[in-house]
Structure formats: C-alpha cells, structure tokens
Amino acid sequence: MSKIGKINISIPDKVKVVMSGSILNIEGPMGKKSLNIDLDIFNLDIKDGKVISIVPKKIDQNIKKLWGMNRSLINNAVIGSSTGYEKILELVGVGYRASIKGSQLNLQLGYSHDINFDVPEGIKITVEKQTTLKISGSDKQLVGLVTSKLKTLRKIEPYKGKGIREKGQYILKKEGKKK
C-alpha cells in the first residue's frame, strides 16, 4: 500500500472538479488545471464533489510509486486552484535590486549589465522591496521552476553570502583566509 496514495483528497467549497474521459479538470478562484489520469491503471472516484480517491486496479512495485505520485499531482492542483502557491526570494548584496517593467523583471545583480527576465504566463511576480521578490501562481511546478531559474542568475557566494536566496534558506558560510 502507498502511504500517500491511500489518503483521500478533500475538495474545498470554491473548487469544482469534473472528470471527462481520462482528463480531470480542476477549476477554482486562482486558476484552472487539467490532469491526464491513466484509467487503465487507476480508478478515480469523486464523492459528492467533496472528496477524491484514487485506487489502483492491481498492485505491484511500480504501480505503488505511480499511485502516490498521481495522488500528489491531483492534490497540488486542488490546492493551487483554491489558494495558490508562493515563494519569496531575497537579493543579498550591495547594489542588488529588482523592479518590474511591463511583463519583464529587471534585475541588477552586480554585473556590468541589467538582466531582463520574461515572466511566464500564469506566474505573478511582485517586488515588495527592491530586494524582495514574491513569486505566486496556481501551478506548484511552474512557481518552483521560475524560482530556481531566478536563483541561478546569481548563485550564493559561500564567503559573504551574496546572491539570490529563498526566504529562510540556510547558507553555510566558509571561513576566509587567515594571517
């Protein structure tokens, strides 16, 4: 038995879940998401629009892994369409700052040039302070992808800790040269 897969998914009041063929459509106040579920392997049951349960037709080692993964994907889509996901990035360094210009994020990260990052559709980036970015959206995977792309623009330097980091991220600092 999959520990994650056997947990039922509760659906909030604002979210509407409809199964059409093998496609599960999830719609809520934050956005829409469509998931393709393999009905040859799994039985998907929506009880009164309140609870979703996913059960495999036969159980073996590979299907146990797929069971937990599919349950997590459905749960992430339900949470994303109801409340959404957000990550907060901090720019640490002298002269590091960010600003929004139209649909582009303008970053000054200590290079000789500014970096313009195109914001993908479905993602909302707000600059709270010049050194704090809030990335939000309904798709957990896309929010994480945008966050990781932004973090690679200026990786954290291990001696002073300068760079782009997530809020609350622990940085292991190295000791500098000694006389």
N, C-alpha and C. Protein backbone atom coordinates (compact mmCIF):
# COMPACT_ATOMS: atom_id res chain seq x y z
N MET A 1 0.84 -1.19 0.00
CA MET A 1 0.00 0.00 0.00
C MET A 1 0.87 1.24 0.00
N SER A 2 0.47 2.23 -0.78
CA SER A 2 1.16 3.51 -0.81
C SER A 2 0.67 4.36 0.35
N LYS A 3 1.61 4.87 1.16
CA LYS A 3 1.20 5.68 2.32
C LYS A 3 0.52 6.97 1.87
N ILE A 4 1.05 7.58 0.82
CA ILE A 4 0.48 8.84 0.33
C ILE A 4 -0.76 8.57 -0.51
N GLY A 5 -0.72 7.54 -1.34
CA GLY A 5 -1.80 7.27 -2.29
C GLY A 5 -3.13 6.95 -1.65
N LYS A 6 -3.11 6.31 -0.48
CA LYS A 6 -4.39 5.90 0.11
C LYS A 6 -5.10 7.01 0.88
N ILE A 7 -4.46 8.19 1.02
CA ILE A 7 -5.09 9.32 1.70
C ILE A 7 -6.05 9.99 0.71
N ASN A 8 -7.28 10.21 1.12
CA ASN A 8 -8.26 10.88 0.26
C ASN A 8 -7.96 12.38 0.18
N ILE A 9 -8.34 12.99 -0.93
CA ILE A 9 -8.13 14.42 -1.16
C ILE A 9 -9.45 15.14 -0.94
N SER A 10 -9.47 16.08 0.01
CA SER A 10 -10.70 16.83 0.25
C SER A 10 -10.72 18.05 -0.68
N ILE A 11 -11.88 18.34 -1.22
CA ILE A 11 -12.04 19.44 -2.17
C ILE A 11 -12.67 20.62 -1.44
N PRO A 12 -12.04 21.81 -1.46
CA PRO A 12 -12.65 23.00 -0.85
C PRO A 12 -13.94 23.39 -1.57
N ASP A 13 -14.75 24.24 -0.91
CA ASP A 13 -16.04 24.64 -1.47
C ASP A 13 -15.91 25.42 -2.77
N LYS A 14 -14.84 26.22 -2.90
CA LYS A 14 -14.67 27.09 -4.06
C LYS A 14 -14.20 26.34 -5.31
N VAL A 15 -13.72 25.11 -5.15
CA VAL A 15 -13.11 24.37 -6.26
C VAL A 15 -14.12 23.40 -6.87
N LYS A 16 -14.12 23.35 -8.23
CA LYS A 16 -15.01 22.45 -8.96
C LYS A 16 -14.15 21.42 -9.69
N VAL A 17 -14.43 20.13 -9.48
CA VAL A 17 -13.67 19.05 -10.10
C VAL A 17 -14.61 18.25 -10.99
N VAL A 18 -14.22 18.11 -12.29
CA VAL A 18 -15.04 17.37 -13.25
C VAL A 18 -14.16 16.39 -14.00
N MET A 19 -14.64 15.16 -14.11
CA MET A 19 -13.91 14.11 -14.85
C MET A 19 -14.57 13.94 -16.21
N SER A 20 -13.80 14.15 -17.29
CA SER A 20 -14.34 13.93 -18.64
C SER A 20 -13.37 13.01 -19.37
N GLY A 21 -13.80 11.77 -19.56
CA GLY A 21 -12.93 10.77 -20.17
C GLY A 21 -11.80 10.43 -19.20
N SER A 22 -10.56 10.58 -19.66
CA SER A 22 -9.42 10.33 -18.78
C SER A 22 -8.78 11.63 -18.29
N ILE A 23 -9.45 12.78 -18.58
CA ILE A 23 -8.91 14.08 -18.17
C ILE A 23 -9.68 14.61 -16.97
N LEU A 24 -8.93 14.99 -15.94
CA LEU A 24 -9.51 15.54 -14.73
C LEU A 24 -9.35 17.06 -14.78
N ASN A 25 -10.47 17.78 -14.84
CA ASN A 25 -10.44 19.25 -14.89
C ASN A 25 -10.72 19.80 -13.50
N ILE A 26 -9.80 20.65 -13.02
CA ILE A 26 -9.93 21.26 -11.71
C ILE A 26 -9.98 22.77 -11.91
N GLU A 27 -11.03 23.40 -11.41
CA GLU A 27 -11.22 24.84 -11.61
C GLU A 27 -11.55 25.50 -10.28
N GLY A 28 -10.85 26.61 -10.00
CA GLY A 28 -11.07 27.32 -8.75
C GLY A 28 -10.83 28.81 -8.94
N PRO A 29 -10.86 29.58 -7.84
CA PRO A 29 -10.69 31.03 -7.96
C PRO A 29 -9.29 31.46 -8.41
N MET A 30 -8.26 30.64 -8.19
CA MET A 30 -6.89 31.01 -8.57
C MET A 30 -6.53 30.57 -9.99
N GLY A 31 -7.27 29.61 -10.55
CA GLY A 31 -6.96 29.19 -11.91
C GLY A 31 -7.52 27.81 -12.22
N LYS A 32 -7.17 27.33 -13.43
CA LYS A 32 -7.63 26.02 -13.91
C LYS A 32 -6.42 25.11 -14.10
N LYS A 33 -6.67 23.81 -13.99
CA LYS A 33 -5.62 22.82 -14.24
C LYS A 33 -6.28 21.57 -14.79
N SER A 34 -5.67 20.99 -15.82
CA SER A 34 -6.16 19.73 -16.39
C SER A 34 -5.09 18.66 -16.22
N LEU A 35 -5.48 17.51 -15.70
CA LEU A 35 -4.55 16.40 -15.50
C LEU A 35 -5.04 15.19 -16.27
N ASN A 36 -4.10 14.49 -16.89
CA ASN A 36 -4.43 13.28 -17.63
C ASN A 36 -4.16 12.08 -16.71
N ILE A 37 -5.21 11.34 -16.35
CA ILE A 37 -5.10 10.19 -15.45
C ILE A 37 -5.24 8.92 -16.28
N ASP A 38 -4.33 7.96 -16.07
CA ASP A 38 -4.36 6.69 -16.78
C ASP A 38 -5.42 5.78 -16.13
N LEU A 39 -6.57 5.68 -16.77
CA LEU A 39 -7.67 4.91 -16.20
C LEU A 39 -7.52 3.40 -16.42
N ASP A 40 -6.48 2.98 -17.18
CA ASP A 40 -6.19 1.55 -17.30
C ASP A 40 -5.55 1.03 -16.01
N ILE A 41 -4.86 1.92 -15.29
CA ILE A 41 -4.16 1.54 -14.06
C ILE A 41 -4.95 1.91 -12.82
N PHE A 42 -5.63 3.07 -12.83
CA PHE A 42 -6.27 3.60 -11.62
C PHE A 42 -7.78 3.77 -11.78
N ASN A 43 -8.49 3.64 -10.66
CA ASN A 43 -9.90 4.01 -10.56
C ASN A 43 -9.96 5.33 -9.80
N LEU A 44 -10.57 6.33 -10.40
CA LEU A 44 -10.70 7.64 -9.76
C LEU A 44 -12.15 7.82 -9.36
N ASP A 45 -12.39 8.18 -8.10
CA ASP A 45 -13.75 8.30 -7.59
C ASP A 45 -13.94 9.68 -6.96
N ILE A 46 -14.93 10.45 -7.46
CA ILE A 46 -15.26 11.75 -6.90
C ILE A 46 -16.58 11.60 -6.15
N LYS A 47 -16.54 11.76 -4.82
CA LYS A 47 -17.73 11.55 -3.99
C LYS A 47 -18.39 12.89 -3.67
N ASP A 48 -19.55 13.15 -4.26
CA ASP A 48 -20.37 14.34 -3.99
C ASP A 48 -19.63 15.66 -4.21
N GLY A 49 -18.58 15.68 -5.00
CA GLY A 49 -17.81 16.89 -5.23
C GLY A 49 -17.05 17.36 -4.00
N LYS A 50 -16.88 16.48 -3.01
CA LYS A 50 -16.20 16.85 -1.76
C LYS A 50 -14.88 16.11 -1.56
N VAL A 51 -14.80 14.86 -2.04
CA VAL A 51 -13.62 14.02 -1.79
C VAL A 51 -13.24 13.29 -3.07
N ILE A 52 -11.93 13.24 -3.34
CA ILE A 52 -11.41 12.46 -4.47
C ILE A 52 -10.59 11.32 -3.89
N SER A 53 -10.81 10.10 -4.40
CA SER A 53 -9.96 8.97 -4.01
C SER A 53 -9.45 8.31 -5.27
N ILE A 54 -8.19 7.87 -5.22
CA ILE A 54 -7.57 7.21 -6.35
C ILE A 54 -7.07 5.85 -5.86
N VAL A 55 -7.47 4.78 -6.57
CA VAL A 55 -7.13 3.42 -6.16
C VAL A 55 -6.64 2.65 -7.39
N PRO A 56 -5.53 1.92 -7.27
CA PRO A 56 -5.05 1.14 -8.42
C PRO A 56 -5.91 -0.11 -8.63
N LYS A 57 -5.96 -0.58 -9.88
CA LYS A 57 -6.73 -1.78 -10.19
C LYS A 57 -5.98 -3.04 -9.76
N LYS A 58 -4.63 -3.02 -9.89
CA LYS A 58 -3.81 -4.11 -9.34
C LYS A 58 -2.57 -3.46 -8.72
N ILE A 59 -1.99 -4.11 -7.75
CA ILE A 59 -0.87 -3.50 -7.02
C ILE A 59 0.41 -4.28 -7.27
N ASP A 60 1.44 -3.56 -7.75
CA ASP A 60 2.80 -4.09 -7.77
C ASP A 60 3.76 -2.93 -7.45
N GLN A 61 5.05 -3.18 -7.45
CA GLN A 61 6.04 -2.19 -7.01
C GLN A 61 5.97 -0.89 -7.80
N ASN A 62 5.89 -0.97 -9.12
CA ASN A 62 5.88 0.24 -9.96
C ASN A 62 4.58 1.02 -9.80
N ILE A 63 3.47 0.32 -9.68
CA ILE A 63 2.17 1.00 -9.57
C ILE A 63 2.05 1.70 -8.23
N LYS A 64 2.69 1.18 -7.16
CA LYS A 64 2.68 1.87 -5.87
C LYS A 64 3.31 3.25 -5.98
N LYS A 65 4.41 3.34 -6.73
CA LYS A 65 5.09 4.64 -6.92
C LYS A 65 4.21 5.59 -7.72
N LEU A 66 3.60 5.09 -8.79
CA LEU A 66 2.72 5.92 -9.62
C LEU A 66 1.49 6.37 -8.84
N TRP A 67 1.01 5.52 -7.94
CA TRP A 67 -0.17 5.81 -7.13
C TRP A 67 0.07 7.05 -6.27
N GLY A 68 1.15 7.07 -5.54
CA GLY A 68 1.49 8.21 -4.69
C GLY A 68 1.75 9.47 -5.49
N MET A 69 2.42 9.32 -6.64
CA MET A 69 2.73 10.48 -7.47
C MET A 69 1.46 11.10 -8.05
N ASN A 70 0.55 10.27 -8.58
CA ASN A 70 -0.69 10.78 -9.15
C ASN A 70 -1.57 11.44 -8.08
N ARG A 71 -1.59 10.88 -6.89
CA ARG A 71 -2.35 11.49 -5.80
C ARG A 71 -1.77 12.85 -5.44
N SER A 72 -0.44 12.95 -5.41
CA SER A 72 0.21 14.23 -5.10
C SER A 72 -0.04 15.27 -6.18
N LEU A 73 -0.03 14.85 -7.44
CA LEU A 73 -0.30 15.78 -8.54
C LEU A 73 -1.73 16.33 -8.46
N ILE A 74 -2.68 15.46 -8.15
CA ILE A 74 -4.08 15.90 -8.03
C ILE A 74 -4.23 16.84 -6.84
N ASN A 75 -3.60 16.49 -5.71
CA ASN A 75 -3.68 17.32 -4.51
C ASN A 75 -3.05 18.69 -4.75
N ASN A 76 -1.89 18.73 -5.43
CA ASN A 76 -1.24 20.01 -5.73
C ASN A 76 -2.11 20.88 -6.64
N ALA A 77 -2.80 20.25 -7.59
CA ALA A 77 -3.68 21.00 -8.49
C ALA A 77 -4.88 21.56 -7.73
N VAL A 78 -5.43 20.80 -6.78
CA VAL A 78 -6.57 21.27 -5.99
C VAL A 78 -6.16 22.43 -5.10
N ILE A 79 -5.01 22.30 -4.42
CA ILE A 79 -4.52 23.38 -3.55
C ILE A 79 -4.18 24.62 -4.38
N GLY A 80 -3.54 24.41 -5.53
CA GLY A 80 -3.16 25.53 -6.39
C GLY A 80 -4.34 26.30 -6.93
N SER A 81 -5.41 25.60 -7.28
CA SER A 81 -6.59 26.29 -7.81
C SER A 81 -7.42 26.96 -6.73
N SER A 82 -7.25 26.54 -5.47
CA SER A 82 -8.02 27.17 -4.39
C SER A 82 -7.24 28.30 -3.72
N THR A 83 -6.00 28.05 -3.28
CA THR A 83 -5.23 29.08 -2.57
C THR A 83 -4.00 29.55 -3.33
N GLY A 84 -3.43 28.71 -4.18
CA GLY A 84 -2.24 29.08 -4.93
C GLY A 84 -0.97 28.81 -4.13
N TYR A 85 0.15 29.00 -4.80
CA TYR A 85 1.46 28.79 -4.20
C TYR A 85 2.27 30.07 -4.31
N GLU A 86 3.17 30.27 -3.35
CA GLU A 86 4.04 31.44 -3.43
C GLU A 86 5.39 31.14 -2.80
N LYS A 87 6.41 31.77 -3.35
CA LYS A 87 7.76 31.68 -2.81
C LYS A 87 8.31 33.10 -2.75
N ILE A 88 9.15 33.35 -1.74
CA ILE A 88 9.73 34.67 -1.56
C ILE A 88 11.24 34.56 -1.74
N LEU A 89 11.79 35.41 -2.60
CA LEU A 89 13.24 35.45 -2.84
C LEU A 89 13.81 36.74 -2.28
N GLU A 90 15.02 36.65 -1.77
CA GLU A 90 15.73 37.82 -1.27
C GLU A 90 16.99 38.02 -2.08
N LEU A 91 17.27 39.28 -2.45
CA LEU A 91 18.50 39.63 -3.13
C LEU A 91 19.46 40.18 -2.07
N VAL A 92 20.57 39.50 -1.87
CA VAL A 92 21.52 39.91 -0.84
C VAL A 92 22.81 40.34 -1.52
N GLY A 93 23.18 41.60 -1.37
CA GLY A 93 24.41 42.11 -1.95
C GLY A 93 24.30 43.61 -2.15
N VAL A 94 25.44 44.27 -2.19
CA VAL A 94 25.47 45.73 -2.36
C VAL A 94 25.05 46.06 -3.79
N GLY A 95 24.02 46.89 -3.93
CA GLY A 95 23.56 47.31 -5.25
C GLY A 95 22.64 46.33 -5.94
N TYR A 96 22.29 45.21 -5.30
CA TYR A 96 21.38 44.25 -5.92
C TYR A 96 19.96 44.77 -5.73
N ARG A 97 19.23 44.88 -6.84
CA ARG A 97 17.84 45.32 -6.73
C ARG A 97 17.03 44.79 -7.91
N ALA A 98 15.72 44.83 -7.74
CA ALA A 98 14.80 44.32 -8.75
C ALA A 98 13.67 45.32 -8.97
N SER A 99 13.11 45.31 -10.18
CA SER A 99 11.94 46.12 -10.49
C SER A 99 11.17 45.45 -11.63
N ILE A 100 9.89 45.75 -11.68
CA ILE A 100 9.03 45.20 -12.73
C ILE A 100 8.84 46.27 -13.80
N LYS A 101 9.08 45.90 -15.05
CA LYS A 101 8.84 46.80 -16.18
C LYS A 101 7.96 46.06 -17.18
N GLY A 102 6.67 46.33 -17.12
CA GLY A 102 5.72 45.65 -18.01
C GLY A 102 5.60 44.18 -17.63
N SER A 103 5.91 43.30 -18.57
CA SER A 103 5.86 41.86 -18.28
C SER A 103 7.25 41.29 -18.08
N GLN A 104 8.21 42.18 -17.79
CA GLN A 104 9.59 41.74 -17.56
C GLN A 104 10.04 42.13 -16.17
N LEU A 105 10.88 41.29 -15.60
CA LEU A 105 11.50 41.56 -14.32
C LEU A 105 12.92 42.05 -14.61
N ASN A 106 13.22 43.27 -14.16
CA ASN A 106 14.54 43.85 -14.38
C ASN A 106 15.37 43.64 -13.12
N LEU A 107 16.52 42.98 -13.27
CA LEU A 107 17.37 42.66 -12.12
C LEU A 107 18.74 43.31 -12.29
N GLN A 108 19.23 43.96 -11.24
CA GLN A 108 20.59 44.47 -11.20
C GLN A 108 21.32 43.63 -10.16
N LEU A 109 22.24 42.79 -10.64
CA LEU A 109 22.87 41.79 -9.77
C LEU A 109 24.39 41.92 -9.72
N GLY A 110 24.91 43.13 -9.91
CA GLY A 110 26.35 43.32 -9.80
C GLY A 110 27.11 43.03 -11.07
N TYR A 111 26.42 42.69 -12.14
CA TYR A 111 27.08 42.52 -13.43
C TYR A 111 27.18 43.88 -14.11
N SER A 112 27.88 43.94 -15.23
CA SER A 112 28.03 45.21 -15.95
C SER A 112 26.75 45.58 -16.71
N HIS A 113 25.78 44.68 -16.74
CA HIS A 113 24.53 44.91 -17.46
C HIS A 113 23.35 44.47 -16.59
N ASP A 114 22.18 45.00 -16.91
CA ASP A 114 20.96 44.57 -16.24
C ASP A 114 20.47 43.27 -16.87
N ILE A 115 19.75 42.48 -16.10
CA ILE A 115 19.19 41.23 -16.60
C ILE A 115 17.68 41.40 -16.68
N ASN A 116 17.11 41.16 -17.86
CA ASN A 116 15.66 41.22 -18.04
C ASN A 116 15.13 39.79 -18.12
N PHE A 117 14.26 39.44 -17.19
CA PHE A 117 13.68 38.10 -17.10
C PHE A 117 12.22 38.17 -17.52
N ASP A 118 11.85 37.42 -18.56
CA ASP A 118 10.46 37.39 -19.03
C ASP A 118 9.63 36.56 -18.06
N VAL A 119 8.55 37.15 -17.55
CA VAL A 119 7.67 36.46 -16.61
C VAL A 119 6.73 35.57 -17.41
N PRO A 120 6.73 34.23 -17.14
CA PRO A 120 5.85 33.35 -17.90
C PRO A 120 4.37 33.56 -17.56
N GLU A 121 3.52 33.10 -18.46
CA GLU A 121 2.08 33.24 -18.25
C GLU A 121 1.65 32.33 -17.11
N GLY A 122 0.80 32.81 -16.24
CA GLY A 122 0.34 32.03 -15.09
C GLY A 122 1.14 32.31 -13.83
N ILE A 123 2.17 33.13 -13.94
CA ILE A 123 3.01 33.48 -12.78
C ILE A 123 2.90 34.98 -12.55
N LYS A 124 2.79 35.35 -11.28
CA LYS A 124 2.73 36.77 -10.92
C LYS A 124 3.93 37.06 -10.02
N ILE A 125 4.76 38.01 -10.43
CA ILE A 125 5.91 38.41 -9.62
C ILE A 125 5.68 39.82 -9.14
N THR A 126 5.77 40.02 -7.82
CA THR A 126 5.66 41.35 -7.25
C THR A 126 6.94 41.67 -6.51
N VAL A 127 7.37 42.93 -6.62
CA VAL A 127 8.56 43.40 -5.93
C VAL A 127 8.07 44.15 -4.70
N GLU A 128 8.24 43.53 -3.52
CA GLU A 128 7.77 44.15 -2.29
C GLU A 128 8.70 45.27 -1.85
N LYS A 129 9.98 44.96 -1.74
CA LYS A 129 11.01 45.98 -1.56
C LYS A 129 11.90 45.83 -2.77
N GLN A 130 12.94 46.63 -2.88
CA GLN A 130 13.83 46.47 -4.03
C GLN A 130 14.62 45.17 -3.95
N THR A 131 14.71 44.59 -2.76
CA THR A 131 15.49 43.37 -2.59
C THR A 131 14.65 42.15 -2.25
N THR A 132 13.33 42.26 -2.33
CA THR A 132 12.45 41.14 -2.00
C THR A 132 11.46 40.91 -3.14
N LEU A 133 11.42 39.67 -3.64
CA LEU A 133 10.50 39.29 -4.72
C LEU A 133 9.52 38.26 -4.19
N LYS A 134 8.25 38.39 -4.59
CA LYS A 134 7.24 37.39 -4.26
C LYS A 134 6.74 36.77 -5.56
N ILE A 135 6.96 35.46 -5.70
CA ILE A 135 6.54 34.73 -6.90
C ILE A 135 5.32 33.91 -6.53
N SER A 136 4.21 34.12 -7.22
CA SER A 136 2.99 33.38 -6.89
C SER A 136 2.31 32.89 -8.16
N GLY A 137 1.54 31.80 -8.01
CA GLY A 137 0.82 31.23 -9.13
C GLY A 137 0.02 30.03 -8.67
N SER A 138 -0.76 29.45 -9.56
CA SER A 138 -1.61 28.32 -9.20
C SER A 138 -0.93 26.98 -9.48
N ASP A 139 0.15 26.97 -10.27
CA ASP A 139 0.85 25.74 -10.62
C ASP A 139 2.12 25.63 -9.78
N LYS A 140 2.17 24.65 -8.89
CA LYS A 140 3.32 24.49 -7.98
C LYS A 140 4.61 24.25 -8.75
N GLN A 141 4.55 23.45 -9.80
CA GLN A 141 5.73 23.13 -10.58
C GLN A 141 6.28 24.37 -11.28
N LEU A 142 5.41 25.20 -11.84
CA LEU A 142 5.85 26.40 -12.54
C LEU A 142 6.42 27.44 -11.58
N VAL A 143 5.82 27.57 -10.39
CA VAL A 143 6.35 28.51 -9.39
C VAL A 143 7.77 28.08 -8.97
N GLY A 144 7.96 26.79 -8.75
CA GLY A 144 9.28 26.28 -8.38
C GLY A 144 10.29 26.44 -9.50
N LEU A 145 9.85 26.24 -10.75
CA LEU A 145 10.74 26.37 -11.90
C LEU A 145 11.22 27.81 -12.07
N VAL A 146 10.32 28.77 -11.97
CA VAL A 146 10.68 30.19 -12.09
C VAL A 146 11.61 30.59 -10.95
N THR A 147 11.33 30.11 -9.73
CA THR A 147 12.18 30.41 -8.59
C THR A 147 13.59 29.89 -8.80
N SER A 148 13.71 28.66 -9.28
CA SER A 148 15.05 28.09 -9.48
C SER A 148 15.79 28.79 -10.61
N LYS A 149 15.07 29.21 -11.66
CA LYS A 149 15.73 29.96 -12.74
C LYS A 149 16.27 31.29 -12.25
N LEU A 150 15.49 31.97 -11.41
CA LEU A 150 15.95 33.25 -10.85
C LEU A 150 17.13 33.06 -9.92
N LYS A 151 17.14 31.97 -9.15
CA LYS A 151 18.24 31.72 -8.23
C LYS A 151 19.54 31.41 -8.97
N THR A 152 19.46 30.85 -10.18
CA THR A 152 20.68 30.54 -10.93
C THR A 152 21.30 31.78 -11.58
N LEU A 153 20.55 32.89 -11.64
CA LEU A 153 21.11 34.10 -12.23
C LEU A 153 22.26 34.66 -11.39
N ARG A 154 22.20 34.48 -10.07
CA ARG A 154 23.30 34.88 -9.19
C ARG A 154 23.31 33.90 -8.03
N LYS A 155 24.14 32.85 -8.16
CA LYS A 155 24.22 31.84 -7.11
C LYS A 155 24.83 32.42 -5.85
N ILE A 156 24.53 31.81 -4.73
CA ILE A 156 25.01 32.31 -3.44
C ILE A 156 26.50 32.06 -3.31
N GLU A 157 27.21 33.12 -2.97
CA GLU A 157 28.65 33.06 -2.81
C GLU A 157 28.95 32.61 -1.38
N PRO A 158 29.85 31.62 -1.17
CA PRO A 158 29.98 30.99 0.16
C PRO A 158 30.75 31.80 1.21
N TYR A 159 31.43 32.88 0.83
CA TYR A 159 32.23 33.63 1.80
C TYR A 159 31.46 34.77 2.45
N LYS A 160 30.74 35.55 1.64
CA LYS A 160 29.95 36.65 2.20
C LYS A 160 28.45 36.37 2.18
N GLY A 161 28.02 35.37 1.42
CA GLY A 161 26.60 35.03 1.35
C GLY A 161 25.82 35.88 0.38
N LYS A 162 26.51 36.54 -0.57
CA LYS A 162 25.82 37.39 -1.54
C LYS A 162 25.19 36.52 -2.63
N GLY A 163 24.04 36.94 -3.13
CA GLY A 163 23.36 36.22 -4.20
C GLY A 163 21.86 36.25 -4.01
N ILE A 164 21.16 35.39 -4.75
CA ILE A 164 19.70 35.30 -4.65
C ILE A 164 19.37 34.05 -3.84
N ARG A 165 18.58 34.22 -2.77
CA ARG A 165 18.21 33.09 -1.93
C ARG A 165 16.72 33.14 -1.59
N GLU A 166 16.21 31.98 -1.21
CA GLU A 166 14.82 31.94 -0.73
C GLU A 166 14.78 32.44 0.70
N LYS A 167 13.63 32.95 1.09
CA LYS A 167 13.49 33.46 2.45
C LYS A 167 13.61 32.30 3.43
N GLY A 168 14.48 32.46 4.41
CA GLY A 168 14.69 31.43 5.41
C GLY A 168 15.68 30.35 5.02
N GLN A 169 16.29 30.45 3.86
CA GLN A 169 17.26 29.44 3.40
C GLN A 169 18.55 29.58 4.21
N TYR A 170 19.07 28.46 4.69
CA TYR A 170 20.30 28.47 5.47
C TYR A 170 21.49 28.43 4.53
N ILE A 171 22.45 29.31 4.80
CA ILE A 171 23.66 29.37 3.99
C ILE A 171 24.84 28.94 4.84
N LEU A 172 25.58 27.94 4.37
CA LEU A 172 26.78 27.51 5.06
C LEU A 172 27.94 28.37 4.57
N LYS A 173 28.43 29.24 5.43
CA LYS A 173 29.49 30.15 5.04
C LYS A 173 30.85 29.54 5.33
N LYS A 174 31.80 29.78 4.42
CA LYS A 174 33.17 29.32 4.61
C LYS A 174 33.97 30.36 5.36
N GLU A 175 35.03 29.90 5.97
CA GLU A 175 35.90 30.81 6.68
C GLU A 175 36.90 31.39 5.68
N GLY A 176 37.21 32.68 5.81
CA GLY A 176 38.14 33.33 4.89
C GLY A 176 39.58 33.01 5.22
N LYS A 177 40.51 33.66 4.50
CA LYS A 177 41.95 33.45 4.72
C LYS A 177 42.35 33.98 6.08
N LYS A 178 43.30 33.31 6.70
CA LYS A 178 43.85 33.76 7.99
C LYS A 178 45.28 34.21 7.77
N LYS A 179 45.74 35.13 8.61
CA LYS A 179 47.13 35.61 8.50
C LYS A 179 48.10 34.61 9.06
